[in-house]
C-alpha atoms as a PDB file:
ATOM      1  CA  MET A   1     -20.870  11.581  13.373  1.00  0.00           C
ATOM      2  CA  LYS A   2     -18.356  13.508  11.301  1.00  0.00           C
ATOM      3  CA  ALA A   3     -17.367  12.140   7.899  1.00  0.00           C
ATOM      4  CA  ILE A   4     -15.536  13.270   4.772  1.00  0.00           C
ATOM      5  CA  VAL A   5     -17.968  12.954   1.878  1.00  0.00           C
ATOM      6  CA  PHE A   6     -18.323  13.838  -1.795  1.00  0.00           C
ATOM      7  CA  GLU A   7     -21.389  14.345  -3.980  1.00  0.00           C
ATOM      8  CA  LYS A   8     -19.820  14.075  -7.416  1.00  0.00           C
ATOM      9  CA  ILE A   9     -16.844  12.629  -9.233  1.00  0.00           C
ATOM     10  CA  GLY A  10     -13.771  14.815  -9.382  1.00  0.00           C
ATOM     11  CA  LEU A  11     -10.411  15.708  -7.946  1.00  0.00           C
ATOM     12  CA  PRO A  12     -10.221  15.218  -4.160  1.00  0.00           C
ATOM     13  CA  SER A  13      -9.298  18.856  -3.613  1.00  0.00           C
ATOM     14  CA  ASP A  14     -12.428  19.943  -5.496  1.00  0.00           C
ATOM     15  CA  VAL A  15     -15.154  17.604  -4.264  1.00  0.00           C
ATOM     16  CA  LEU A  16     -14.389  16.526  -0.689  1.00  0.00           C
ATOM     17  CA  GLN A  17     -16.168  18.148   2.240  1.00  0.00           C
ATOM     18  CA  ILE A  18     -16.713  17.381   5.919  1.00  0.00           C
ATOM     19  CA  ARG A  19     -20.244  16.886   7.211  1.00  0.00           C
ATOM     20  CA  ASP A  20     -22.268  15.602  10.100  1.00  0.00           C
ATOM     21  CA  VAL A  21     -24.031  12.438   8.913  1.00  0.00           C
ATOM     22  CA  PRO A  22     -25.980   9.701  10.735  1.00  0.00           C
ATOM     23  CA  VAL A  23     -24.060   6.836  12.329  1.00  0.00           C
ATOM     24  CA  PRO A  24     -24.586   3.905   9.944  1.00  0.00           C
ATOM     25  CA  GLU A  25     -26.977   1.137  10.926  1.00  0.00           C
ATOM     26  CA  ILE A  26     -25.747  -2.430  10.638  1.00  0.00           C
ATOM     27  CA  ASN A  27     -27.451  -5.467   9.157  1.00  0.00           C
ATOM     28  CA  ASP A  28     -27.036  -9.148   9.937  1.00  0.00           C
ATOM     29  CA  GLY A  29     -23.444 -10.195   9.349  1.00  0.00           C
ATOM     30  CA  GLU A  30     -22.144  -6.655   9.743  1.00  0.00           C
ATOM     31  CA  VAL A  31     -20.197  -4.847  12.445  1.00  0.00           C
ATOM     32  CA  LEU A  32     -20.240  -1.227  13.548  1.00  0.00           C
ATOM     33  CA  VAL A  33     -16.626  -0.146  13.896  1.00  0.00           C
ATOM     34  CA  ARG A  34     -15.626   2.900  15.900  1.00  0.00           C
ATOM     35  CA  MET A  35     -12.806   4.134  13.739  1.00  0.00           C
ATOM     36  CA  VAL A  36      -9.441   4.724  15.376  1.00  0.00           C
ATOM     37  CA  ALA A  37      -7.370   5.676  12.342  1.00  0.00           C
ATOM     38  CA  THR A  38      -7.550   5.419   8.578  1.00  0.00           C
ATOM     39  CA  SER A  39      -4.785   5.834   6.039  1.00  0.00           C
ATOM     40  CA  ILE A  40      -4.768   8.179   3.040  1.00  0.00           C
ATOM     41  CA  ASN A  41      -3.715   6.232  -0.039  1.00  0.00           C
ATOM     42  CA  PRO A  42      -3.423   6.796  -3.810  1.00  0.00           C
ATOM     43  CA  GLY A  43      -6.236   4.276  -4.234  1.00  0.00           C
ATOM     44  CA  ASP A  44      -8.552   6.552  -2.253  1.00  0.00           C
ATOM     45  CA  PHE A  45      -8.071   9.240  -4.888  1.00  0.00           C
ATOM     46  CA  LEU A  46      -8.831   6.747  -7.665  1.00  0.00           C
ATOM     47  CA  PHE A  47     -12.087   5.885  -5.873  1.00  0.00           C
ATOM     48  CA  ILE A  48     -13.069   9.566  -5.611  1.00  0.00           C
ATOM     49  CA  GLN A  49     -12.412   9.963  -9.350  1.00  0.00           C
ATOM     50  CA  ASN A  50     -14.427   6.811 -10.153  1.00  0.00           C
ATOM     51  CA  LEU A  51     -11.439   5.055 -11.711  1.00  0.00           C
ATOM     52  CA  TYR A  52     -11.949   1.715  -9.961  1.00  0.00           C
ATOM     53  CA  PRO A  53     -14.012  -1.100 -11.493  1.00  0.00           C
ATOM     54  CA  GLU A  54     -17.129  -2.504  -9.865  1.00  0.00           C
ATOM     55  CA  PRO A  55     -17.855  -2.986  -7.017  1.00  0.00           C
ATOM     56  CA  LYS A  56     -15.537  -0.146  -5.959  1.00  0.00           C
ATOM     57  CA  ARG A  57     -17.753   2.613  -7.318  1.00  0.00           C
ATOM     58  CA  PRO A  58     -19.060   5.686  -5.450  1.00  0.00           C
ATOM     59  CA  VAL A  59     -22.754   5.647  -4.547  1.00  0.00           C
ATOM     60  CA  PHE A  60     -24.479   8.994  -4.163  1.00  0.00           C
ATOM     61  CA  PRO A  61     -25.732  10.979  -2.357  1.00  0.00           C
ATOM     62  CA  ALA A  62     -23.104  11.618   0.319  1.00  0.00           C
ATOM     63  CA  GLN A  63     -20.548   8.956  -0.505  1.00  0.00           C
ATOM     64  CA  ILE A  64     -18.063   8.703   2.361  1.00  0.00           C
ATOM     65  CA  ALA A  65     -14.465   8.526   1.150  1.00  0.00           C
ATOM     66  CA  GLY A  66     -11.719   6.145   2.262  1.00  0.00           C
ATOM     67  CA  ASN A  67     -10.979   2.462   1.684  1.00  0.00           C
ATOM     68  CA  HIS A  68      -8.760   1.195   4.512  1.00  0.00           C
ATOM     69  CA  GLY A  69      -8.658   1.608   8.249  1.00  0.00           C
ATOM     70  CA  ALA A  70      -8.673   0.181  11.743  1.00  0.00           C
ATOM     71  CA  GLY A  71     -10.953   0.487  14.712  1.00  0.00           C
ATOM     72  CA  ILE A  72     -12.825  -1.067  17.618  1.00  0.00           C
ATOM     73  CA  VAL A  73     -15.866  -3.316  17.231  1.00  0.00           C
ATOM     74  CA  GLU A  74     -18.665  -1.290  18.811  1.00  0.00           C
ATOM     75  CA  GLU A  75     -21.646  -3.436  17.861  1.00  0.00           C
ATOM     76  CA  ALA A  76     -22.030  -6.781  16.099  1.00  0.00           C
ATOM     77  CA  GLY A  77     -24.995  -7.902  14.042  1.00  0.00           C
ATOM     78  CA  GLU A  78     -26.636 -11.320  14.040  1.00  0.00           C
ATOM     79  CA  GLY A  79     -24.339 -14.133  12.972  1.00  0.00           C
ATOM     80  CA  VAL A  80     -21.112 -12.316  13.872  1.00  0.00           C
ATOM     81  CA  SER A  81     -18.659 -14.147  16.118  1.00  0.00           C
ATOM     82  CA  LEU A  82     -16.398 -11.157  16.869  1.00  0.00           C
ATOM     83  CA  SER A  83     -16.821  -9.658  20.320  1.00  0.00           C
ATOM     84  CA  THR A  84     -17.299  -5.985  21.038  1.00  0.00           C
ATOM     85  CA  GLY A  85     -14.023  -4.321  21.922  1.00  0.00           C
ATOM     86  CA  ALA A  86     -11.997  -6.305  19.370  1.00  0.00           C
ATOM     87  CA  PHE A  87      -9.333  -4.342  17.481  1.00  0.00           C
ATOM     88  CA  VAL A  88      -9.660  -4.893  13.727  1.00  0.00           C
ATOM     89  CA  ALA A  89      -8.200  -3.744  10.418  1.00  0.00           C
ATOM     90  CA  PHE A  90      -9.998  -3.937   7.094  1.00  0.00           C
ATOM     91  CA  SER A  91     -10.261  -2.893   3.469  1.00  0.00           C
ATOM     92  CA  HIS A  92     -13.743  -1.893   2.391  1.00  0.00           C
ATOM     93  CA  VAL A  93     -15.318   1.548   1.787  1.00  0.00           C
ATOM     94  CA  ALA A  94     -16.465   4.633   3.699  1.00  0.00           C
ATOM     95  CA  THR A  95     -13.636   4.677   6.242  1.00  0.00           C
ATOM     96  CA  TRP A  96     -12.988   8.428   6.495  1.00  0.00           C
ATOM     97  CA  ALA A  97     -15.564   8.765   9.236  1.00  0.00           C
ATOM     98  CA  GLU A  98     -15.966   8.305  12.981  1.00  0.00           C
ATOM     99  CA  TYR A  99     -17.926   5.063  12.468  1.00  0.00           C
ATOM    100  CA  ALA A 100     -18.155   2.514   9.657  1.00  0.00           C
ATOM    101  CA  ALA A 101     -20.493  -0.410   8.980  1.00  0.00           C
ATOM    102  CA  ILE A 102     -18.367  -3.282   7.678  1.00  0.00           C
ATOM    103  CA  PRO A 103     -19.296  -6.852   6.692  1.00  0.00           C
ATOM    104  CA  ALA A 104     -17.686  -9.046   9.350  1.00  0.00           C
ATOM    105  CA  GLU A 105     -15.983 -11.245   6.755  1.00  0.00           C
ATOM    106  CA  TYR A 106     -13.743  -8.319   5.758  1.00  0.00           C
ATOM    107  CA  LEU A 107     -12.385  -7.742   9.271  1.00  0.00           C
ATOM    108  CA  MET A 108      -8.881  -8.831  10.206  1.00  0.00           C
ATOM    109  CA  PRO A 109      -8.469  -9.086  14.013  1.00  0.00           C
ATOM    110  CA  LEU A 110      -5.243  -7.715  15.479  1.00  0.00           C
ATOM    111  CA  GLU A 111      -3.668  -7.782  18.901  1.00  0.00           C
ATOM    112  CA  ALA A 112      -4.715  -4.832  21.029  1.00  0.00           C
ATOM    113  CA  ALA A 113      -1.070  -3.731  21.299  1.00  0.00           C
ATOM    114  CA  TYR A 114      -0.526  -3.657  17.518  1.00  0.00           C
ATOM    115  CA  PRO A 115       0.519  -0.076  16.591  1.00  0.00           C
ATOM    116  CA  VAL A 116      -2.367   2.077  15.366  1.00  0.00           C
ATOM    117  CA  GLU A 117      -0.375   3.687  12.544  1.00  0.00           C
ATOM    118  CA  LYS A 118       0.397   0.216  11.190  1.00  0.00           C
ATOM    119  CA  ALA A 119      -3.109  -1.152  11.693  1.00  0.00           C
ATOM    120  CA  ALA A 120      -4.628   1.744   9.748  1.00  0.00           C
ATOM    121  CA  GLN A 121      -2.619   0.744   6.685  1.00  0.00           C
ATOM    122  CA  PHE A 122      -2.468  -3.004   7.232  1.00  0.00           C
ATOM    123  CA  MET A 123      -3.350  -3.508   3.555  1.00  0.00           C
ATOM    124  CA  ASN A 124      -0.008  -1.956   2.644  1.00  0.00           C
ATOM    125  CA  PHE A 125       1.767  -4.666   4.629  1.00  0.00           C
ATOM    126  CA  ILE A 126      -0.263  -7.339   2.844  1.00  0.00           C
ATOM    127  CA  THR A 127       0.519  -5.760  -0.532  1.00  0.00           C
ATOM    128  CA  ALA A 128       4.248  -5.552   0.182  1.00  0.00           C
ATOM    129  CA  TRP A 129       4.253  -9.157   1.432  1.00  0.00           C
ATOM    130  CA  ASP A 130       2.494 -10.339  -1.720  1.00  0.00           C
ATOM    131  CA  LEU A 131       4.851  -8.402  -3.983  1.00  0.00           C
ATOM    132  CA  VAL A 132       7.948  -9.949  -2.445  1.00  0.00           C
ATOM    133  CA  GLU A 133       6.335 -13.393  -2.506  1.00  0.00           C
ATOM    134  CA  GLY A 134       5.163 -12.928  -6.083  1.00  0.00           C
ATOM    135  CA  SER A 135       8.581 -11.861  -7.304  1.00  0.00           C
ATOM    136  CA  GLY A 136       9.841 -15.367  -6.630  1.00  0.00           C
ATOM    137  CA  ILE A 137      13.123 -13.992  -5.261  1.00  0.00           C
ATOM    138  CA  GLN A 138      15.310 -16.286  -3.210  1.00  0.00           C
ATOM    139  CA  ALA A 139      17.838 -15.415  -0.511  1.00  0.00           C
ATOM    140  CA  GLY A 140      21.077 -14.125  -1.990  1.00  0.00           C
ATOM    141  CA  GLN A 141      19.482 -12.915  -5.223  1.00  0.00           C
ATOM    142  CA  TRP A 142      18.975  -9.288  -6.243  1.00  0.00           C
ATOM    143  CA  LEU A 143      15.626  -7.460  -6.230  1.00  0.00           C
ATOM    144  CA  VAL A 144      14.963  -3.959  -7.597  1.00  0.00           C
ATOM    145  CA  ILE A 145      12.207  -1.903  -5.950  1.00  0.00           C
ATOM    146  CA  THR A 146      11.237   1.348  -7.665  1.00  0.00           C
ATOM    147  CA  ALA A 147       9.792   4.396  -5.889  1.00  0.00           C
ATOM    148  CA  GLY A 148      12.000   3.075  -3.119  1.00  0.00           C
ATOM    149  CA  ASN A 149      10.991   5.722  -0.582  1.00  0.00           C
ATOM    150  CA  SER A 150       7.240   5.073  -0.947  1.00  0.00           C
ATOM    151  CA  THR A 151       5.359   3.356   1.851  1.00  0.00           C
ATOM    152  CA  VAL A 152       4.814   0.009   0.124  1.00  0.00           C
ATOM    153  CA  ALA A 153       8.384   0.020  -1.172  1.00  0.00           C
ATOM    154  CA  THR A 154       9.930   0.620   2.266  1.00  0.00           C
ATOM    155  CA  ILE A 155       7.780  -2.168   3.699  1.00  0.00           C
ATOM    156  CA  ALA A 156       8.717  -4.537   0.870  1.00  0.00           C
ATOM    157  CA  THR A 157      12.401  -3.677   1.378  1.00  0.00           C
ATOM    158  CA  GLN A 158      12.184  -4.719   5.022  1.00  0.00           C
ATOM    159  CA  PHE A 159      10.321  -7.939   4.251  1.00  0.00           C
ATOM    160  CA  ALA A 160      12.889  -8.787   1.570  1.00  0.00           C
ATOM    161  CA  ALA A 161      15.881  -7.959   3.782  1.00  0.00           C
ATOM    162  CA  ARG A 162      14.533 -10.269   6.494  1.00  0.00           C
ATOM    163  CA  ARG A 163      14.607 -13.074   3.922  1.00  0.00           C
ATOM    164  CA  GLY A 164      18.240 -12.443   2.990  1.00  0.00           C
ATOM    165  CA  ILE A 165      17.338 -10.891  -0.362  1.00  0.00           C
ATOM    166  CA  ASN A 166      19.636  -8.184  -1.755  1.00  0.00           C
ATOM    167  CA  VAL A 167      17.617  -5.031  -2.462  1.00  0.00           C
ATOM    168  CA  ILE A 168      18.363  -2.189  -4.885  1.00  0.00           C
ATOM    169  CA  ALA A 169      16.085   0.773  -4.148  1.00  0.00           C
ATOM    170  CA  VAL A 170      15.504   3.105  -7.104  1.00  0.00           C
ATOM    171  CA  VAL A 171      14.434   6.665  -6.275  1.00  0.00           C
ATOM    172  CA  ARG A 172      14.237   9.931  -8.161  1.00  0.00           C
ATOM    173  CA  ARG A 173      15.972  11.714  -5.307  1.00  0.00           C
ATOM    174  CA  ALA A 174      17.357  10.196  -2.130  1.00  0.00           C
ATOM    175  CA  PRO A 175      15.295  11.505   0.809  1.00  0.00           C
ATOM    176  CA  ARG A 176      17.230  13.373   3.476  1.00  0.00           C
ATOM    177  CA  TYR A 177      14.893  12.200   6.208  1.00  0.00           C
ATOM    178  CA  LEU A 178      14.898   8.474   5.370  1.00  0.00           C
ATOM    179  CA  ASP A 179      17.897   6.138   5.288  1.00  0.00           C
ATOM    180  CA  LEU A 180      16.855   3.358   2.907  1.00  0.00           C
ATOM    181  CA  ARG A 181      19.995   1.389   3.715  1.00  0.00           C
ATOM    182  CA  ALA A 182      19.006   1.379   7.382  1.00  0.00           C
ATOM    183  CA  LEU A 183      15.737  -0.255   6.301  1.00  0.00           C
ATOM    184  CA  GLY A 184      17.592  -3.029   4.492  1.00  0.00           C
ATOM    185  CA  ALA A 185      18.439  -1.725   1.020  1.00  0.00           C
ATOM    186  CA  ASN A 186      21.900  -2.854  -0.067  1.00  0.00           C
ATOM    187  CA  GLU A 187      22.175  -0.164  -2.740  1.00  0.00           C
ATOM    188  CA  VAL A 188      20.282   2.990  -3.708  1.00  0.00           C
ATOM    189  CA  ILE A 189      20.130   4.280  -7.291  1.00  0.00           C
ATOM    190  CA  GLU A 190      19.274   7.984  -7.367  1.00  0.00           C
ATOM    191  CA  LEU A 191      18.003   8.736 -10.880  1.00  0.00           C
ATOM    192  CA  SER A 192      18.509  12.511 -10.623  1.00  0.00           C
ATOM    193  CA  ARG A 193      22.224  11.979 -10.008  1.00  0.00           C
ATOM    194  CA  LEU A 194      22.836   8.889 -12.090  1.00  0.00           C
ATOM    195  CA  ASP A 195      25.801   9.145 -14.465  1.00  0.00           C
ATOM    196  CA  GLY A 196      24.963   6.582 -17.122  1.00  0.00           C
ATOM    197  CA  SER A 197      22.094   4.128 -17.591  1.00  0.00           C
ATOM    198  CA  VAL A 198      19.996   2.324 -15.001  1.00  0.00           C
ATOM    199  CA  ARG A 199      20.938  -0.988 -16.591  1.00  0.00           C
ATOM    200  CA  GLY A 200      24.628  -0.113 -16.486  1.00  0.00           C
ATOM    201  CA  ARG A 201      24.495   0.710 -12.783  1.00  0.00           C
ATOM    202  CA  ILE A 202      22.561  -2.467 -11.989  1.00  0.00           C
ATOM    203  CA  MET A 203      25.063  -4.607 -13.837  1.00  0.00           C
ATOM    204  CA  GLU A 204      27.866  -2.861 -11.960  1.00  0.00           C
ATOM    205  CA  ILE A 205      26.178  -3.562  -8.614  1.00  0.00           C
ATOM    206  CA  THR A 206      25.421  -7.207  -9.434  1.00  0.00           C
ATOM    207  CA  GLN A 207      28.803  -7.802 -11.078  1.00  0.00           C
ATOM    208  CA  GLY A 208      27.138  -8.586 -14.383  1.00  0.00           C
ATOM    209  CA  ARG A 209      24.713 -11.174 -13.036  1.00  0.00           C
ATOM    210  CA  GLY A 210      21.596  -9.015 -13.272  1.00  0.00           C
ATOM    211  CA  VAL A 211      18.581  -9.062 -10.975  1.00  0.00           C
ATOM    212  CA  HIS A 212      16.053 -11.852 -10.527  1.00  0.00           C
ATOM    213  CA  GLY A 213      13.151  -9.581  -9.724  1.00  0.00           C
ATOM    214  CA  VAL A 214      11.727  -6.087 -10.129  1.00  0.00           C
ATOM    215  CA  ILE A 215       8.830  -4.580  -8.161  1.00  0.00           C
ATOM    216  CA  ASP A 216       7.652  -1.472  -9.999  1.00  0.00           C
ATOM    217  CA  SER A 217       4.994   1.149  -9.296  1.00  0.00           C
ATOM    218  CA  VAL A 218       6.290   3.897 -11.578  1.00  0.00           C
ATOM    219  CA  GLY A 219       6.453   2.768 -15.209  1.00  0.00           C
ATOM    220  CA  GLY A 220       8.045   4.839 -17.967  1.00  0.00           C
ATOM    221  CA  PRO A 221      11.293   4.233 -19.869  1.00  0.00           C
ATOM    222  CA  PRO A 222      13.280   2.944 -16.845  1.00  0.00           C
ATOM    223  CA  VAL A 223      11.099  -0.194 -16.817  1.00  0.00           C
ATOM    224  CA  GLY A 224      12.498  -1.156 -20.213  1.00  0.00           C
ATOM    225  CA  GLU A 225      15.996  -0.888 -18.791  1.00  0.00           C
ATOM    226  CA  LEU A 226      15.003  -2.909 -15.744  1.00  0.00           C
ATOM    227  CA  VAL A 227      13.643  -5.692 -17.941  1.00  0.00           C
ATOM    228  CA  THR A 228      16.913  -5.853 -19.854  1.00  0.00           C
ATOM    229  CA  SER A 229      18.698  -6.028 -16.493  1.00  0.00           C
ATOM    230  CA  LEU A 230      16.953  -9.270 -15.528  1.00  0.00           C
ATOM    231  CA  ALA A 231      18.868 -12.480 -15.016  1.00  0.00           C
ATOM    232  CA  PHE A 232      17.602 -15.637 -16.732  1.00  0.00           C
ATOM    233  CA  GLY A 233      14.168 -16.556 -15.389  1.00  0.00           C
ATOM    234  CA  GLY A 234      13.664 -13.131 -13.805  1.00  0.00           C
ATOM    235  CA  LYS A 235      10.326 -11.435 -13.266  1.00  0.00           C
ATOM    236  CA  VAL A 236       8.910  -7.907 -13.186  1.00  0.00           C
ATOM    237  CA  VAL A 237       5.820  -7.288 -11.034  1.00  0.00           C
ATOM    238  CA  LEU A 238       3.853  -4.118 -11.835  1.00  0.00           C
ATOM    239  CA  TYR A 239       1.541  -2.679  -9.185  1.00  0.00           C
ATOM    240  CA  GLY A 240       1.272   1.017 -10.095  1.00  0.00           C
ATOM    241  CA  GLY A 241       1.922   3.610 -12.771  1.00  0.00           C
ATOM    242  CA  TYR A 242       2.995   7.008 -11.462  1.00  0.00           C
ATOM    243  CA  SER A 243       4.681   7.960 -14.745  1.00  0.00           C
ATOM    244  CA  PRO A 244       2.500   9.033 -17.693  1.00  0.00           C
ATOM    245  CA  GLU A 245       5.157   7.699 -20.069  1.00  0.00           C
ATOM    246  CA  THR A 246       5.361   4.232 -21.606  1.00  0.00           C
ATOM    247  CA  PHE A 247       8.264   1.842 -22.034  1.00  0.00           C
ATOM    248  CA  GLN A 248       9.443  -0.145 -25.035  1.00  0.00           C
ATOM    249  CA  LEU A 249      10.577  -3.749 -25.307  1.00  0.00           C
ATOM    250  CA  HIS A 250      11.358  -6.278 -27.989  1.00  0.00           C
ATOM    251  CA  ASN A 251       9.985  -9.802 -27.705  1.00  0.00           C
ATOM    252  CA  PHE A 252      13.510 -11.135 -27.354  1.00  0.00           C
ATOM    253  CA  ASP A 253      14.081  -8.994 -24.246  1.00  0.00           C
ATOM    254  CA  LEU A 254      11.760 -11.479 -22.540  1.00  0.00           C
ATOM    255  CA  LEU A 255      12.046 -14.608 -24.671  1.00  0.00           C
ATOM    256  CA  MET A 256      15.805 -14.965 -24.536  1.00  0.00           C
ATOM    257  CA  LYS A 257      15.772 -14.698 -20.753  1.00  0.00           C
ATOM    258  CA  ASP A 258      12.647 -16.750 -20.058  1.00  0.00           C
ATOM    259  CA  ALA A 259      11.541 -13.591 -18.258  1.00  0.00           C
ATOM    260  CA  ALA A 260       8.028 -12.506 -17.341  1.00  0.00           C
ATOM    261  CA  ILE A 261       6.011  -9.372 -16.612  1.00  0.00           C
ATOM    262  CA  GLU A 262       3.102  -9.775 -14.199  1.00  0.00           C
ATOM    263  CA  THR A 263       0.604  -7.385 -12.643  1.00  0.00           C
ATOM    264  CA  TYR A 264      -0.659  -7.190  -9.084  1.00  0.00           C
ATOM    265  CA  VAL A 265      -3.906  -5.696  -7.779  1.00  0.00           C
ATOM    266  CA  TYR A 266      -4.035  -5.625  -4.026  1.00  0.00           C
ATOM    267  CA  ARG A 267      -5.464  -8.648  -2.271  1.00  0.00           C
ATOM    268  CA  TYR A 268      -9.059  -8.387  -1.045  1.00  0.00           C
ATOM    269  CA  PHE A 269      -9.892  -5.769  -3.672  1.00  0.00           C
ATOM    270  CA  PHE A 270     -12.914  -7.781  -4.773  1.00  0.00           C
ATOM    271  CA  ASP A 271     -13.216 -10.508  -2.149  1.00  0.00           C
ATOM    272  CA  PRO A 272     -12.844 -10.699   1.648  1.00  0.00           C
ATOM    273  CA  PRO A 273     -10.052 -12.608   3.417  1.00  0.00           C
ATOM    274  CA  LYS A 274     -10.309 -16.387   3.293  1.00  0.00           C
ATOM    275  CA  LYS A 275     -10.094 -18.634   6.324  1.00  0.00           C
ATOM    276  CA  GLU A 276      -6.896 -20.168   5.013  1.00  0.00           C
ATOM    277  CA  ASP A 277      -5.283 -16.691   4.977  1.00  0.00           C
ATOM    278  CA  ALA A 278      -5.369 -16.436   8.775  1.00  0.00           C
ATOM    279  CA  THR A 279      -1.890 -17.908   9.310  1.00  0.00           C
ATOM    280  CA  MET A 280      -0.349 -15.592   6.727  1.00  0.00           C
ATOM    281  CA  LEU A 281      -2.074 -12.539   8.205  1.00  0.00           C
ATOM    282  CA  ARG A 282      -0.864 -13.403  11.704  1.00  0.00           C
ATOM    283  CA  LYS A 283       2.677 -13.784  10.392  1.00  0.00           C
ATOM    284  CA  ILE A 284       2.533 -10.416   8.643  1.00  0.00           C
ATOM    285  CA  ALA A 285       1.236  -8.795  11.831  1.00  0.00           C
ATOM    286  CA  GLU A 286       3.910 -10.458  13.950  1.00  0.00           C
ATOM    287  CA  ILE A 287       6.780  -9.307  11.731  1.00  0.00           C
ATOM    288  CA  SER A 288       5.474  -5.818  10.992  1.00  0.00           C
ATOM    289  CA  GLY A 289       4.394  -5.149  14.570  1.00  0.00           C
ATOM    290  CA  SER A 290       7.925  -5.276  15.947  1.00  0.00           C
ATOM    291  CA  SER A 291       9.466  -1.960  16.985  1.00  0.00           C
ATOM    292  CA  ASP A 292      12.383  -2.339  14.566  1.00  0.00           C
ATOM    293  CA  PHE A 293      10.031  -2.572  11.581  1.00  0.00           C
ATOM    294  CA  ARG A 294       9.840   1.070  10.582  1.00  0.00           C
ATOM    295  CA  ILE A 295       7.395   2.999   8.423  1.00  0.00           C
ATOM    296  CA  PRO A 296       7.732   6.671   7.472  1.00  0.00           C
ATOM    297  CA  ILE A 297       4.846   8.724   8.855  1.00  0.00           C
ATOM    298  CA  GLY A 298       3.993  12.042   7.245  1.00  0.00           C
ATOM    299  CA  GLY A 299       1.453  13.099   9.839  1.00  0.00           C
ATOM    300  CA  MET A 300      -1.711  12.369  11.798  1.00  0.00           C
ATOM    301  CA  HIS A 301      -4.685  14.633  11.067  1.00  0.00           C
ATOM    302  CA  ASP A 302      -8.119  15.277  12.504  1.00  0.00           C
ATOM    303  CA  LEU A 303     -10.974  14.843  10.042  1.00  0.00           C
ATOM    304  CA  GLY A 304     -11.466  18.615  10.138  1.00  0.00           C
ATOM    305  CA  ASP A 305      -7.931  19.063   8.797  1.00  0.00           C
ATOM    306  CA  PHE A 306      -8.734  17.033   5.692  1.00  0.00           C
ATOM    307  CA  LYS A 307      -7.718  19.721   3.177  1.00  0.00           C
ATOM    308  CA  THR A 308      -4.165  19.884   4.500  1.00  0.00           C
ATOM    309  CA  ALA A 309      -3.979  16.107   4.844  1.00  0.00           C
ATOM    310  CA  ILE A 310      -5.109  15.532   1.257  1.00  0.00           C
ATOM    311  CA  GLU A 311      -2.852  18.188  -0.235  1.00  0.00           C
ATOM    312  CA  GLU A 312       0.177  16.862   1.617  1.00  0.00           C
ATOM    313  CA  ALA A 313      -0.636  13.265   0.667  1.00  0.00           C
ATOM    314  CA  ILE A 314      -0.924  14.197  -3.006  1.00  0.00           C
ATOM    315  CA  HIS A 315       1.987  16.590  -3.351  1.00  0.00           C
ATOM    316  CA  ARG A 316       4.473  15.237  -0.791  1.00  0.00           C
ATOM    317  CA  PRO A 317       3.931  11.472  -0.593  1.00  0.00           C
ATOM    318  CA  GLU A 318       7.654  10.897  -0.162  1.00  0.00           C
ATOM    319  CA  VAL A 319       7.497  12.404   3.354  1.00  0.00           C
ATOM    320  CA  GLY A 320       5.533   9.400   4.585  1.00  0.00           C
ATOM    321  CA  LYS A 321       2.043   8.021   5.011  1.00  0.00           C
ATOM    322  CA  ARG A 322      -0.655  10.346   6.300  1.00  0.00           C
ATOM    323  CA  PHE A 323      -3.600   9.324   8.421  1.00  0.00           C
ATOM    324  CA  PHE A 324      -6.856  10.533   9.854  1.00  0.00           C
ATOM    325  CA  LYS A 325      -6.919   9.733  13.539  1.00  0.00           C
ATOM    326  CA  MET A 326     -10.384   9.777  15.022  1.00  0.00           C
ATOM    327  CA  SER A 327      -9.889   8.658  18.600  1.00  0.00           C
ATOM    328  CA  LEU A 328      -7.480   6.921  20.938  1.00  0.00           C
ATOM    329  CA  LYS A 329      -7.440   3.120  21.000  1.00  0.00           C
END
């Protein structure tokens, strides 16, 4: 089978290569998945650079890249209840390949009609769901989402809008190809054109009430302003750090508002889905699978086109999510 592999730690553009490697053999409790599509995510680049903690560490020789994906159950090992032909999504390792051996407990079954481009990044839907849930925002309150044109942010905006939450999307530049208001954002703050402070604009939008939640993946000085824009009891949830800069706060910026800053690492990073998660996962799939739930797609690539796919994913993430598509479902 064809797979994208690396033999040493480094930048994706320097160390990735495509090879013919053996189809993996499965053990008891594992499933051989014929990959349909797999998403290209910032976390994949962290894995290639060995920046994740255990157990998400590369194992050489010939470590196959990729962490998320979707495919068809081709073969099931002893003790596996899933039938061959089932359509599944998962977060594990070694997904940038035509086949993957995955422990059955990590598989999330989906309806056969669920869109491939959504299945391949189903973890992004789970992350966005968790971020909105974790923010504690209620209908009618205001929520700020930074990097508003990113994949997780656009998904979170749609989940929030469906709950009656008012969303302020913060972007460096408003994308010409993506209407964030059409996705559910009530307001868009474009930092490159902002006349004044972020806090000042937020207070203008909320008529001085402030926001009850912030979902941030950027960091840097604007986070300090966002914290000072919180209403009493508000919360900031951090799930990324695109900016190399830091932010500053005084204790009273939090204390006097009974505010909180929390962090989020995507669900199932260390552990597989639990049985009690099944209802939540079905609900996420039901909502996100509808045709009016939109996600920006940057492009579908063959494995052999990995150099272009990686470069575009790194340097133009705002265009939309990129995928490797191995075969038709």
